[in-house]
């Protein structure tokens, strides 16, 4: 049981969902491939949701970023890996715009594997 009442309330009202993304990166900015290996302008969020964490593994280190971001039922989400020599920053993109939820310091020339944690609202 969580001692944080806000977290306990969130966990009681919303169900956790993980979206997985991956892509081999060398240099240059690329979108990570989402569920089913699909690339696109974003995966639809079909209900109210809260994005809470982004975890990225680059073959050596697991890095995490935390930021609470509310999403609407018409929003689309994807991940963008931006090359900033000599590393990558992986950011959550909502409706084509970068969000504050990001992870920096990921290795170039590696397979980036990322997991986005969403809490989807219950109807």
PDB file of N, CA and C in Angstrom:
ATOM      1  N   UNK A   1       0.838  -1.184   0.000  1.00  0.00           N
ATOM      2  CA  UNK A   1       0.000   0.000   0.000  1.00  0.00           C
ATOM      3  C   UNK A   1       0.878   1.240   0.000  1.00  0.00           C
ATOM      4  N   UNK A   2       0.536   2.172  -0.822  1.00  0.00           N
ATOM      5  CA  UNK A   2       1.294   3.408  -0.941  1.00  0.00           C
ATOM      6  C   UNK A   2       0.950   4.361   0.198  1.00  0.00           C
ATOM      7  N   UNK A   3       1.972   5.025   0.727  1.00  0.00           N
ATOM      8  CA  UNK A   3       1.742   6.023   1.763  1.00  0.00           C
ATOM      9  C   UNK A   3       1.430   7.387   1.162  1.00  0.00           C
ATOM     10  N   UNK A   4       1.691   7.547  -0.133  1.00  0.00           N
ATOM     11  CA  UNK A   4       1.397   8.783  -0.837  1.00  0.00           C
ATOM     12  C   UNK A   4      -0.072   8.748  -1.251  1.00  0.00           C
ATOM     13  N   UNK A   5      -0.903   9.570  -0.624  1.00  0.00           N
ATOM     14  CA  UNK A   5      -2.341   9.516  -0.888  1.00  0.00           C
ATOM     15  C   UNK A   5      -2.690   9.891  -2.314  1.00  0.00           C
ATOM     16  N   UNK A   6      -1.943  10.817  -2.909  1.00  0.00           N
ATOM     17  CA  UNK A   6      -2.203  11.187  -4.299  1.00  0.00           C
ATOM     18  C   UNK A   6      -1.920  10.007  -5.213  1.00  0.00           C
ATOM     19  N   UNK A   7      -0.789   9.343  -5.008  1.00  0.00           N
ATOM     20  CA  UNK A   7      -0.447   8.173  -5.821  1.00  0.00           C
ATOM     21  C   UNK A   7      -1.443   7.050  -5.598  1.00  0.00           C
ATOM     22  N   UNK A   8      -1.872   6.847  -4.349  1.00  0.00           N
ATOM     23  CA  UNK A   8      -2.836   5.795  -4.048  1.00  0.00           C
ATOM     24  C   UNK A   8      -4.166   6.060  -4.743  1.00  0.00           C
ATOM     25  N   UNK A   9      -4.607   7.316  -4.756  1.00  0.00           N
ATOM     26  CA  UNK A   9      -5.851   7.668  -5.430  1.00  0.00           C
ATOM     27  C   UNK A   9      -5.731   7.450  -6.926  1.00  0.00           C
ATOM     28  N   UNK A  10      -4.600   7.851  -7.518  1.00  0.00           N
ATOM     29  CA  UNK A  10      -4.363   7.665  -8.951  1.00  0.00           C
ATOM     30  C   UNK A  10      -4.371   6.186  -9.302  1.00  0.00           C
ATOM     31  N   UNK A  11      -3.695   5.374  -8.512  1.00  0.00           N
ATOM     32  CA  UNK A  11      -3.623   3.944  -8.789  1.00  0.00           C
ATOM     33  C   UNK A  11      -4.983   3.276  -8.657  1.00  0.00           C
ATOM     34  N   UNK A  12      -5.813   3.758  -7.761  1.00  0.00           N
ATOM     35  CA  UNK A  12      -7.135   3.169  -7.555  1.00  0.00           C
ATOM     36  C   UNK A  12      -8.091   3.514  -8.698  1.00  0.00           C
ATOM     37  N   UNK A  13      -7.948   4.679  -9.287  1.00  0.00           N
ATOM     38  CA  UNK A  13      -8.875   5.146 -10.319  1.00  0.00           C
ATOM     39  C   UNK A  13      -8.449   4.774 -11.730  1.00  0.00           C
ATOM     40  N   UNK A  14      -7.166   4.541 -11.951  1.00  0.00           N
ATOM     41  CA  UNK A  14      -6.652   4.339 -13.301  1.00  0.00           C
ATOM     42  C   UNK A  14      -5.906   3.010 -13.404  1.00  0.00           C
ATOM     43  N   UNK A  15      -5.942   2.392 -14.560  1.00  0.00           N
ATOM     44  CA  UNK A  15      -5.224   1.140 -14.758  1.00  0.00           C
ATOM     45  C   UNK A  15      -3.948   1.395 -15.554  1.00  0.00           C
ATOM     46  N   UNK A  16      -2.823   0.800 -15.126  1.00  0.00           N
ATOM     47  CA  UNK A  16      -1.542   1.043 -15.805  1.00  0.00           C
ATOM     48  C   UNK A  16      -1.471   0.340 -17.163  1.00  0.00           C
ATOM     49  N   UNK A  17      -0.852   1.020 -18.123  1.00  0.00           N
ATOM     50  CA  UNK A  17      -0.633   0.489 -19.458  1.00  0.00           C
ATOM     51  C   UNK A  17       0.786   0.845 -19.882  1.00  0.00           C
ATOM     52  N   UNK A  18       1.483  -0.091 -20.521  1.00  0.00           N
ATOM     53  CA  UNK A  18       2.827   0.164 -21.017  1.00  0.00           C
ATOM     54  C   UNK A  18       2.810   0.135 -22.535  1.00  0.00           C
ATOM     55  N   UNK A  19       3.389   1.160 -23.157  1.00  0.00           N
ATOM     56  CA  UNK A  19       3.588   1.185 -24.606  1.00  0.00           C
ATOM     57  C   UNK A  19       5.082   1.037 -24.850  1.00  0.00           C
ATOM     58  N   UNK A  20       5.450   0.082 -25.677  1.00  0.00           N
ATOM     59  CA  UNK A  20       6.871  -0.198 -25.928  1.00  0.00           C
ATOM     60  C   UNK A  20       7.277   0.301 -27.309  1.00  0.00           C
ATOM     61  N   UNK A  21       8.476   0.881 -27.380  1.00  0.00           N
ATOM     62  CA  UNK A  21       9.031   1.430 -28.614  1.00  0.00           C
ATOM     63  C   UNK A  21      10.486   0.995 -28.716  1.00  0.00           C
ATOM     64  N   UNK A  22      11.019   0.908 -29.939  1.00  0.00           N
ATOM     65  CA  UNK A  22      12.445   0.607 -30.100  1.00  0.00           C
ATOM     66  C   UNK A  22      12.915   1.021 -31.492  1.00  0.00           C
ATOM     67  N   UNK A  23      14.222   1.208 -31.596  1.00  0.00           N
ATOM     68  CA  UNK A  23      14.824   1.494 -32.893  1.00  0.00           C
ATOM     69  C   UNK A  23      16.337   1.544 -32.730  1.00  0.00           C
ATOM     70  N   UNK A  24      17.048   1.055 -33.742  1.00  0.00           N
ATOM     71  CA  UNK A  24      18.492   1.189 -33.770  1.00  0.00           C
ATOM     72  C   UNK A  24      18.817   2.580 -34.276  1.00  0.00           C
ATOM     73  N   UNK A  25      19.685   3.294 -33.534  1.00  0.00           N
ATOM     74  CA  UNK A  25      20.029   4.669 -33.888  1.00  0.00           C
ATOM     75  C   UNK A  25      21.526   4.778 -34.130  1.00  0.00           C
ATOM     76  N   UNK A  26      21.909   5.635 -35.064  1.00  0.00           N
ATOM     77  CA  UNK A  26      23.320   5.922 -35.313  1.00  0.00           C
ATOM     78  C   UNK A  26      23.563   7.400 -35.056  1.00  0.00           C
ATOM     79  N   UNK A  27      23.167   8.239 -35.987  1.00  0.00           N
ATOM     80  CA  UNK A  27      23.171   9.691 -35.782  1.00  0.00           C
ATOM     81  C   UNK A  27      21.943  10.239 -36.501  1.00  0.00           C
ATOM     82  N   UNK A  28      21.484  11.374 -36.082  1.00  0.00           N
ATOM     83  CA  UNK A  28      20.304  11.977 -36.699  1.00  0.00           C
ATOM     84  C   UNK A  28      19.063  11.727 -35.863  1.00  0.00           C
ATOM     85  N   UNK A  29      18.077  12.556 -36.049  1.00  0.00           N
ATOM     86  CA  UNK A  29      16.832  12.480 -35.302  1.00  0.00           C
ATOM     87  C   UNK A  29      15.882  11.493 -35.979  1.00  0.00           C
ATOM     88  N   UNK A  30      15.335  10.555 -35.193  1.00  0.00           N
ATOM     89  CA  UNK A  30      14.426   9.540 -35.728  1.00  0.00           C
ATOM     90  C   UNK A  30      13.289   9.280 -34.751  1.00  0.00           C
ATOM     91  N   UNK A  31      12.163   8.846 -35.300  1.00  0.00           N
ATOM     92  CA  UNK A  31      11.047   8.405 -34.466  1.00  0.00           C
ATOM     93  C   UNK A  31      11.288   6.948 -34.098  1.00  0.00           C
ATOM     94  N   UNK A  32      11.028   6.601 -32.843  1.00  0.00           N
ATOM     95  CA  UNK A  32      11.142   5.204 -32.439  1.00  0.00           C
ATOM     96  C   UNK A  32       9.935   4.442 -32.945  1.00  0.00           C
ATOM     97  N   UNK A  33      10.150   3.184 -33.311  1.00  0.00           N
ATOM     98  CA  UNK A  33       9.062   2.352 -33.808  1.00  0.00           C
ATOM     99  C   UNK A  33       8.204   1.895 -32.645  1.00  0.00           C
ATOM    100  N   UNK A  34       6.914   2.003 -32.801  1.00  0.00           N
ATOM    101  CA  UNK A  34       5.991   1.694 -31.715  1.00  0.00           C
ATOM    102  C   UNK A  34       5.500   0.266 -31.742  1.00  0.00           C
ATOM    103  N   UNK A  35       4.395   0.002 -31.060  1.00  0.00           N
ATOM    104  CA  UNK A  35       3.836  -1.344 -31.001  1.00  0.00           C
ATOM    105  C   UNK A  35       3.626  -1.929 -32.395  1.00  0.00           C
ATOM    106  N   UNK A  36       4.057  -3.168 -32.575  1.00  0.00           N
ATOM    107  CA  UNK A  36       3.938  -3.826 -33.865  1.00  0.00           C
ATOM    108  C   UNK A  36       4.975  -3.370 -34.872  1.00  0.00           C
ATOM    109  N   UNK A  37       5.979  -2.595 -34.435  1.00  0.00           N
ATOM    110  CA  UNK A  37       7.006  -2.102 -35.338  1.00  0.00           C
ATOM    111  C   UNK A  37       6.529  -0.974 -36.232  1.00  0.00           C
ATOM    112  N   UNK A  38       5.412  -0.360 -35.875  1.00  0.00           N
ATOM    113  CA  UNK A  38       4.833   0.700 -36.704  1.00  0.00           C
ATOM    114  C   UNK A  38       5.462   2.048 -36.396  1.00  0.00           C
ATOM    115  N   UNK A  39       5.615   2.856 -37.438  1.00  0.00           N
ATOM    116  CA  UNK A  39       6.095   4.225 -37.293  1.00  0.00           C
ATOM    117  C   UNK A  39       4.993   5.133 -37.803  1.00  0.00           C
ATOM    118  N   UNK A  40       4.800   6.225 -37.124  1.00  0.00           N
ATOM    119  CA  UNK A  40       3.754   7.132 -37.572  1.00  0.00           C
ATOM    120  C   UNK A  40       3.752   8.405 -36.769  1.00  0.00           C
ATOM    121  N   UNK A  41       2.678   9.168 -36.925  1.00  0.00           N
ATOM    122  CA  UNK A  41       2.587  10.461 -36.247  1.00  0.00           C
ATOM    123  C   UNK A  41       2.062  10.311 -34.829  1.00  0.00           C
ATOM    124  N   UNK A  42       1.816   9.102 -34.385  1.00  0.00           N
ATOM    125  CA  UNK A  42       1.396   8.878 -33.013  1.00  0.00           C
ATOM    126  C   UNK A  42       0.340   7.808 -32.887  1.00  0.00           C
ATOM    127  N   UNK A  43       0.339   7.184 -31.736  1.00  0.00           N
ATOM    128  CA  UNK A  43      -0.646   6.164 -31.436  1.00  0.00           C
ATOM    129  C   UNK A  43      -1.779   6.805 -30.660  1.00  0.00           C
ATOM    130  N   UNK A  44      -3.022   6.533 -31.029  1.00  0.00           N
ATOM    131  CA  UNK A  44      -4.148   7.200 -30.377  1.00  0.00           C
ATOM    132  C   UNK A  44      -4.329   6.759 -28.931  1.00  0.00           C
ATOM    133  N   UNK A  45      -4.643   7.717 -28.083  1.00  0.00           N
ATOM    134  CA  UNK A  45      -5.037   7.438 -26.712  1.00  0.00           C
ATOM    135  C   UNK A  45      -6.553   7.477 -26.719  1.00  0.00           C
ATOM    136  N   UNK A  46      -7.187   6.320 -26.491  1.00  0.00           N
ATOM    137  CA  UNK A  46      -8.633   6.245 -26.679  1.00  0.00           C
ATOM    138  C   UNK A  46      -9.453   6.560 -25.431  1.00  0.00           C
ATOM    139  N   UNK A  47      -8.796   7.077 -24.412  1.00  0.00           N
ATOM    140  CA  UNK A  47      -9.494   7.433 -23.186  1.00  0.00           C
ATOM    141  C   UNK A  47      -8.639   8.471 -22.470  1.00  0.00           C
ATOM    142  N   UNK A  48      -9.170   9.111 -21.463  1.00  0.00           N
ATOM    143  CA  UNK A  48      -8.350  10.033 -20.680  1.00  0.00           C
ATOM    144  C   UNK A  48      -7.219   9.246 -20.030  1.00  0.00           C
ATOM    145  N   UNK A  49      -6.019   9.811 -20.025  1.00  0.00           N
ATOM    146  CA  UNK A  49      -4.861   9.093 -19.506  1.00  0.00           C
ATOM    147  C   UNK A  49      -3.882  10.071 -18.875  1.00  0.00           C
ATOM    148  N   UNK A  50      -2.955   9.514 -18.113  1.00  0.00           N
ATOM    149  CA  UNK A  50      -1.874  10.280 -17.509  1.00  0.00           C
ATOM    150  C   UNK A  50      -0.577   9.558 -17.832  1.00  0.00           C
ATOM    151  N   UNK A  51       0.350  10.240 -18.507  1.00  0.00           N
ATOM    152  CA  UNK A  51       1.682   9.692 -18.750  1.00  0.00           C
ATOM    153  C   UNK A  51       2.549  10.059 -17.552  1.00  0.00           C
ATOM    154  N   UNK A  52       3.232   9.062 -16.980  1.00  0.00           N
ATOM    155  CA  UNK A  52       3.988   9.322 -15.753  1.00  0.00           C
ATOM    156  C   UNK A  52       5.471   9.037 -15.863  1.00  0.00           C
ATOM    157  N   UNK A  53       5.866   8.108 -16.739  1.00  0.00           N
ATOM    158  CA  UNK A  53       7.272   7.724 -16.775  1.00  0.00           C
ATOM    159  C   UNK A  53       7.684   7.272 -18.166  1.00  0.00           C
ATOM    160  N   UNK A  54       8.923   7.568 -18.514  1.00  0.00           N
ATOM    161  CA  UNK A  54       9.538   7.093 -19.736  1.00  0.00           C
ATOM    162  C   UNK A  54      10.848   6.421 -19.339  1.00  0.00           C
ATOM    163  N   UNK A  55      11.002   5.154 -19.692  1.00  0.00           N
ATOM    164  CA  UNK A  55      12.221   4.408 -19.388  1.00  0.00           C
ATOM    165  C   UNK A  55      12.885   4.006 -20.700  1.00  0.00           C
ATOM    166  N   UNK A  56      14.200   4.238 -20.814  1.00  0.00           N
ATOM    167  CA  UNK A  56      14.932   3.927 -22.046  1.00  0.00           C
ATOM    168  C   UNK A  56      16.174   3.116 -21.694  1.00  0.00           C
ATOM    169  N   UNK A  57      16.343   1.983 -22.376  1.00  0.00           N
ATOM    170  CA  UNK A  57      17.526   1.136 -22.219  1.00  0.00           C
ATOM    171  C   UNK A  57      18.331   1.201 -23.510  1.00  0.00           C
ATOM    172  N   UNK A  58      19.623   1.517 -23.403  1.00  0.00           N
ATOM    173  CA  UNK A  58      20.467   1.672 -24.598  1.00  0.00           C
ATOM    174  C   UNK A  58      21.485   0.545 -24.757  1.00  0.00           C
ATOM    175  N   UNK A  59      21.277  -0.565 -24.061  1.00  0.00           N
ATOM    176  CA  UNK A  59      22.213  -1.684 -24.144  1.00  0.00           C
ATOM    177  C   UNK A  59      23.205  -1.705 -22.999  1.00  0.00           C
ATOM    178  N   UNK A  60      23.361  -0.593 -22.314  1.00  0.00           N
ATOM    179  CA  UNK A  60      24.259  -0.502 -21.164  1.00  0.00           C
ATOM    180  C   UNK A  60      23.553  -0.007 -19.919  1.00  0.00           C
ATOM    181  N   UNK A  61      22.731   1.016 -20.064  1.00  0.00           N
ATOM    182  CA  UNK A  61      22.132   1.690 -18.916  1.00  0.00           C
ATOM    183  C   UNK A  61      20.635   1.895 -19.122  1.00  0.00           C
ATOM    184  N   UNK A  62      19.890   1.687 -18.039  1.00  0.00           N
ATOM    185  CA  UNK A  62      18.468   2.006 -18.042  1.00  0.00           C
ATOM    186  C   UNK A  62      18.298   3.396 -17.450  1.00  0.00           C
ATOM    187  N   UNK A  63      17.745   4.311 -18.241  1.00  0.00           N
ATOM    188  CA  UNK A  63      17.524   5.686 -17.788  1.00  0.00           C
ATOM    189  C   UNK A  63      16.022   5.942 -17.726  1.00  0.00           C
ATOM    190  N   UNK A  64      15.592   6.698 -16.726  1.00  0.00           N
ATOM    191  CA  UNK A  64      14.174   6.990 -16.606  1.00  0.00           C
ATOM    192  C   UNK A  64      13.946   8.486 -16.463  1.00  0.00           C
ATOM    193  N   UNK A  65      12.829   8.920 -16.977  1.00  0.00           N
ATOM    194  CA  UNK A  65      12.376  10.297 -16.819  1.00  0.00           C
ATOM    195  C   UNK A  65      10.965  10.265 -16.267  1.00  0.00           C
ATOM    196  N   UNK A  66      10.673  11.163 -15.347  1.00  0.00           N
ATOM    197  CA  UNK A  66       9.342  11.218 -14.735  1.00  0.00           C
ATOM    198  C   UNK A  66       8.773  12.625 -14.873  1.00  0.00           C
ATOM    199  N   UNK A  67       7.537  12.659 -15.289  1.00  0.00           N
ATOM    200  CA  UNK A  67       6.788  13.913 -15.388  1.00  0.00           C
ATOM    201  C   UNK A  67       5.326  13.528 -15.561  1.00  0.00           C
ATOM    202  N   UNK A  68       4.441  14.150 -14.839  1.00  0.00           N
ATOM    203  CA  UNK A  68       3.023  13.839 -14.959  1.00  0.00           C
ATOM    204  C   UNK A  68       2.416  14.706 -16.053  1.00  0.00           C
ATOM    205  N   UNK A  69       1.859  14.046 -17.054  1.00  0.00           N
ATOM    206  CA  UNK A  69       1.319  14.737 -18.212  1.00  0.00           C
ATOM    207  C   UNK A  69      -0.068  14.179 -18.525  1.00  0.00           C
ATOM    208  N   UNK A  70      -1.084  15.013 -18.463  1.00  0.00           N
ATOM    209  CA  UNK A  70      -2.455  14.577 -18.752  1.00  0.00           C
ATOM    210  C   UNK A  70      -2.678  14.510 -20.258  1.00  0.00           C
ATOM    211  N   UNK A  71      -3.359  13.452 -20.683  1.00  0.00           N
ATOM    212  CA  UNK A  71      -3.667  13.247 -22.094  1.00  0.00           C
ATOM    213  C   UNK A  71      -5.171  13.123 -22.261  1.00  0.00           C
ATOM    214  N   UNK A  72      -5.662  13.667 -23.358  1.00  0.00           N
ATOM    215  CA  UNK A  72      -7.084  13.575 -23.665  1.00  0.00           C
ATOM    216  C   UNK A  72      -7.384  12.383 -24.546  1.00  0.00           C
ATOM    217  N   UNK A  73      -8.663  12.127 -24.762  1.00  0.00           N
ATOM    218  CA  UNK A  73      -9.057  10.957 -25.542  1.00  0.00           C
ATOM    219  C   UNK A  73      -8.868  11.132 -27.049  1.00  0.00           C
ATOM    220  N   UNK A  74      -8.436  12.298 -27.486  1.00  0.00           N
ATOM    221  CA  UNK A  74      -8.156  12.506 -28.906  1.00  0.00           C
ATOM    222  C   UNK A  74      -6.664  12.701 -29.163  1.00  0.00           C
ATOM    223  N   UNK A  75      -5.844  12.597 -28.129  1.00  0.00           N
ATOM    224  CA  UNK A  75      -4.400  12.809 -28.282  1.00  0.00           C
ATOM    225  C   UNK A  75      -3.726  11.610 -28.942  1.00  0.00           C
ATOM    226  N   UNK A  76      -2.590  11.894 -29.584  1.00  0.00           N
ATOM    227  CA  UNK A  76      -1.769  10.857 -30.215  1.00  0.00           C
ATOM    228  C   UNK A  76      -0.368  10.970 -29.632  1.00  0.00           C
ATOM    229  N   UNK A  77       0.241   9.825 -29.282  1.00  0.00           N
ATOM    230  CA  UNK A  77       1.554   9.825 -28.651  1.00  0.00           C
ATOM    231  C   UNK A  77       2.559   9.027 -29.475  1.00  0.00           C
ATOM    232  N   UNK A  78       3.801   9.500 -29.461  1.00  0.00           N
ATOM    233  CA  UNK A  78       4.915   8.797 -30.089  1.00  0.00           C
ATOM    234  C   UNK A  78       6.189   9.210 -29.365  1.00  0.00           C
ATOM    235  N   UNK A  79       7.302   8.570 -29.710  1.00  0.00           N
ATOM    236  CA  UNK A  79       8.593   8.907 -29.107  1.00  0.00           C
ATOM    237  C   UNK A  79       9.557   9.347 -30.199  1.00  0.00           C
ATOM    238  N   UNK A  80      10.321  10.380 -29.912  1.00  0.00           N
ATOM    239  CA  UNK A  80      11.297  10.925 -30.852  1.00  0.00           C
ATOM    240  C   UNK A  80      12.668  10.908 -30.209  1.00  0.00           C
ATOM    241  N   UNK A  81      13.645  10.324 -30.910  1.00  0.00           N
ATOM    242  CA  UNK A  81      15.035  10.307 -30.447  1.00  0.00           C
ATOM    243  C   UNK A  81      15.789  11.412 -31.183  1.00  0.00           C
ATOM    244  N   UNK A  82      16.231  12.422 -30.442  1.00  0.00           N
ATOM    245  CA  UNK A  82      16.921  13.575 -31.005  1.00  0.00           C
ATOM    246  C   UNK A  82      18.417  13.447 -30.733  1.00  0.00           C
ATOM    247  N   UNK A  83      19.220  13.488 -31.797  1.00  0.00           N
ATOM    248  CA  UNK A  83      20.669  13.354 -31.653  1.00  0.00           C
ATOM    249  C   UNK A  83      21.268  14.699 -31.270  1.00  0.00           C
ATOM    250  N   UNK A  84      21.891  14.722 -30.094  1.00  0.00           N
ATOM    251  CA  UNK A  84      22.636  15.889 -29.623  1.00  0.00           C
ATOM    252  C   UNK A  84      24.028  15.361 -29.302  1.00  0.00           C
ATOM    253  N   UNK A  85      24.951  15.550 -30.252  1.00  0.00           N
ATOM    254  CA  UNK A  85      26.280  14.945 -30.223  1.00  0.00           C
ATOM    255  C   UNK A  85      26.894  14.970 -28.826  1.00  0.00           C
ATOM    256  N   UNK A  86      27.279  13.878 -28.247  1.00  0.00           N
ATOM    257  CA  UNK A  86      27.386  12.507 -28.774  1.00  0.00           C
ATOM    258  C   UNK A  86      26.289  11.562 -28.302  1.00  0.00           C
ATOM    259  N   UNK A  87      25.177  12.066 -27.757  1.00  0.00           N
ATOM    260  CA  UNK A  87      24.135  11.191 -27.216  1.00  0.00           C
ATOM    261  C   UNK A  87      22.765  11.536 -27.792  1.00  0.00           C
ATOM    262  N   UNK A  88      21.787  10.749 -27.399  1.00  0.00           N
ATOM    263  CA  UNK A  88      20.397  10.971 -27.804  1.00  0.00           C
ATOM    264  C   UNK A  88      19.550  11.397 -26.619  1.00  0.00           C
ATOM    265  N   UNK A  89      18.550  12.204 -26.894  1.00  0.00           N
ATOM    266  CA  UNK A  89      17.496  12.511 -25.937  1.00  0.00           C
ATOM    267  C   UNK A  89      16.205  11.953 -26.512  1.00  0.00           C
ATOM    268  N   UNK A  90      15.538  11.108 -25.742  1.00  0.00           N
ATOM    269  CA  UNK A  90      14.275  10.511 -26.176  1.00  0.00           C
ATOM    270  C   UNK A  90      13.141  11.269 -25.492  1.00  0.00           C
ATOM    271  N   UNK A  91      12.210  11.784 -26.288  1.00  0.00           N
ATOM    272  CA  UNK A  91      11.125  12.615 -25.776  1.00  0.00           C
ATOM    273  C   UNK A  91       9.772  12.069 -26.185  1.00  0.00           C
ATOM    274  N   UNK A  92       8.791  12.253 -25.308  1.00  0.00           N
ATOM    275  CA  UNK A  92       7.411  11.949 -25.648  1.00  0.00           C
ATOM    276  C   UNK A  92       6.869  13.072 -26.521  1.00  0.00           C
ATOM    277  N   UNK A  93       6.256  12.696 -27.628  1.00  0.00           N
ATOM    278  CA  UNK A  93       5.638  13.655 -28.540  1.00  0.00           C
ATOM    279  C   UNK A  93       4.124  13.464 -28.449  1.00  0.00           C
ATOM    280  N   UNK A  94       3.418  14.551 -28.162  1.00  0.00           N
ATOM    281  CA  UNK A  94       1.954  14.510 -28.065  1.00  0.00           C
ATOM    282  C   UNK A  94       1.386  15.410 -29.147  1.00  0.00           C
ATOM    283  N   UNK A  95       0.632  14.831 -30.065  1.00  0.00           N
ATOM    284  CA  UNK A  95       0.017  15.579 -31.174  1.00  0.00           C
ATOM    285  C   UNK A  95       1.043  16.386 -31.969  1.00  0.00           C
ATOM    286  N   UNK A  96       2.240  15.823 -32.144  1.00  0.00           N
ATOM    287  CA  UNK A  96       3.275  16.472 -32.947  1.00  0.00           C
ATOM    288  C   UNK A  96       4.143  17.461 -32.201  1.00  0.00           C
ATOM    289  N   UNK A  97       3.920  17.648 -30.914  1.00  0.00           N
ATOM    290  CA  UNK A  97       4.710  18.603 -30.125  1.00  0.00           C
ATOM    291  C   UNK A  97       5.475  17.886 -29.024  1.00  0.00           C
ATOM    292  N   UNK A  98       6.730  18.281 -28.821  1.00  0.00           N
ATOM    293  CA  UNK A  98       7.546  17.688 -27.758  1.00  0.00           C
ATOM    294  C   UNK A  98       6.963  18.032 -26.398  1.00  0.00           C
ATOM    295  N   UNK A  99       7.011  17.075 -25.492  1.00  0.00           N
ATOM    296  CA  UNK A  99       6.520  17.283 -24.124  1.00  0.00           C
ATOM    297  C   UNK A  99       7.715  17.333 -23.169  1.00  0.00           C
ATOM    298  N   UNK A 100       7.495  17.723 -21.924  1.00  0.00           N
ATOM    299  CA  UNK A 100       8.582  17.762 -20.951  1.00  0.00           C
ATOM    300  C   UNK A 100       9.035  16.377 -20.474  1.00  0.00           C
ATOM    301  N   UNK A 101       8.295  15.323 -20.820  1.00  0.00           N
ATOM    302  CA  UNK A 101       8.681  13.971 -20.418  1.00  0.00           C
ATOM    303  C   UNK A 101       9.755  13.474 -21.369  1.00  0.00           C
ATOM    304  N   UNK A 102      10.997  13.388 -20.872  1.00  0.00           N
ATOM    305  CA  UNK A 102      12.112  12.984 -21.730  1.00  0.00           C
ATOM    306  C   UNK A 102      13.215  12.331 -20.915  1.00  0.00           C
ATOM    307  N   UNK A 103      14.098  11.639 -21.640  1.00  0.00           N
ATOM    308  CA  UNK A 103      15.266  10.983 -21.059  1.00  0.00           C
ATOM    309  C   UNK A 103      16.463  11.373 -21.914  1.00  0.00           C
ATOM    310  N   UNK A 104      17.521  11.859 -21.289  1.00  0.00           N
ATOM    311  CA  UNK A 104      18.707  12.270 -22.052  1.00  0.00           C
ATOM    312  C   UNK A 104      19.904  11.392 -21.693  1.00  0.00           C
ATOM    313  N   UNK A 105      20.942  11.465 -22.514  1.00  0.00           N
ATOM    314  CA  UNK A 105      22.181  10.733 -22.271  1.00  0.00           C
ATOM    315  C   UNK A 105      22.211   9.333 -22.827  1.00  0.00           C
ATOM    316  N   UNK A 106      21.302   8.985 -23.742  1.00  0.00           N
ATOM    317  CA  UNK A 106      21.276   7.641 -24.330  1.00  0.00           C
ATOM    318  C   UNK A 106      22.363   7.520 -25.396  1.00  0.00           C
ATOM    319  N   UNK A 107      23.000   6.346 -25.445  1.00  0.00           N
ATOM    320  CA  UNK A 107      24.108   6.126 -26.370  1.00  0.00           C
ATOM    321  C   UNK A 107      23.661   6.150 -27.835  1.00  0.00           C
ATOM    322  N   UNK A 108      24.526   6.713 -28.676  1.00  0.00           N
ATOM    323  CA  UNK A 108      24.345   6.609 -30.122  1.00  0.00           C
ATOM    324  C   UNK A 108      24.854   5.235 -30.557  1.00  0.00           C
ATOM    325  N   UNK A 109      24.575   4.847 -31.784  1.00  0.00           N
ATOM    326  CA  UNK A 109      24.996   3.553 -32.320  1.00  0.00           C
ATOM    327  C   UNK A 109      24.544   2.405 -31.422  1.00  0.00           C
ATOM    328  N   UNK A 110      23.273   2.434 -31.044  1.00  0.00           N
ATOM    329  CA  UNK A 110      22.751   1.390 -30.175  1.00  0.00           C
ATOM    330  C   UNK A 110      21.283   1.142 -30.508  1.00  0.00           C
ATOM    331  N   UNK A 111      20.758   0.067 -29.923  1.00  0.00           N
ATOM    332  CA  UNK A 111      19.336  -0.218 -30.025  1.00  0.00           C
ATOM    333  C   UNK A 111      18.667   0.410 -28.813  1.00  0.00           C
ATOM    334  N   UNK A 112      17.862   1.440 -29.039  1.00  0.00           N
ATOM    335  CA  UNK A 112      17.129   2.084 -27.950  1.00  0.00           C
ATOM    336  C   UNK A 112      15.809   1.350 -27.756  1.00  0.00           C
ATOM    337  N   UNK A 113      15.554   0.907 -26.529  1.00  0.00           N
ATOM    338  CA  UNK A 113      14.310   0.241 -26.181  1.00  0.00           C
ATOM    339  C   UNK A 113      13.638   1.088 -25.106  1.00  0.00           C
ATOM    340  N   UNK A 114      12.434   1.550 -25.393  1.00  0.00           N
ATOM    341  CA  UNK A 114      11.769   2.491 -24.498  1.00  0.00           C
ATOM    342  C   UNK A 114      10.390   1.986 -24.101  1.00  0.00           C
ATOM    343  N   UNK A 115      10.007   2.321 -22.870  1.00  0.00           N
ATOM    344  CA  UNK A 115       8.686   1.980 -22.360  1.00  0.00           C
ATOM    345  C   UNK A 115       8.041   3.234 -21.797  1.00  0.00           C
ATOM    346  N   UNK A 116       6.861   3.549 -22.266  1.00  0.00           N
ATOM    347  CA  UNK A 116       6.082   4.678 -21.784  1.00  0.00           C
ATOM    348  C   UNK A 116       4.995   4.141 -20.863  1.00  0.00           C
ATOM    349  N   UNK A 117       4.948   4.659 -19.624  1.00  0.00           N
ATOM    350  CA  UNK A 117       3.934   4.219 -18.663  1.00  0.00           C
ATOM    351  C   UNK A 117       2.774   5.208 -18.685  1.00  0.00           C
ATOM    352  N   UNK A 118       1.594   4.675 -18.982  1.00  0.00           N
ATOM    353  CA  UNK A 118       0.360   5.456 -19.007  1.00  0.00           C
ATOM    354  C   UNK A 118      -0.611   4.880 -17.975  1.00  0.00           C
ATOM    355  N   UNK A 119      -1.371   5.735 -17.361  1.00  0.00           N
ATOM    356  CA  UNK A 119      -2.489   5.297 -16.530  1.00  0.00           C
ATOM    357  C   UNK A 119      -3.752   5.708 -17.268  1.00  0.00           C
ATOM    358  N   UNK A 120      -4.492   4.693 -17.745  1.00  0.00           N
ATOM    359  CA  UNK A 120      -5.685   4.931 -18.550  1.00  0.00           C
ATOM    360  C   UNK A 120      -6.892   4.988 -17.631  1.00  0.00           C
ATOM    361  N   UNK A 121      -7.752   5.986 -17.855  1.00  0.00           N
ATOM    362  CA  UNK A 121      -8.932   6.158 -17.013  1.00  0.00           C
ATOM    363  C   UNK A 121      -9.952   5.059 -17.212  1.00  0.00           C
ATOM    364  N   UNK A 122     -10.633   4.735 -16.146  1.00  0.00           N
ATOM    365  CA  UNK A 122     -11.708   3.737 -16.203  1.00  0.00           C
ATOM    366  C   UNK A 122     -13.025   4.450 -16.446  1.00  0.00           C
ATOM    367  N   UNK A 123     -13.821   3.903 -17.323  1.00  0.00           N
ATOM    368  CA  UNK A 123     -15.141   4.474 -17.635  1.00  0.00           C
ATOM    369  C   UNK A 123     -16.145   4.038 -16.596  1.00  0.00           C
TER     370      UNK A 123
END
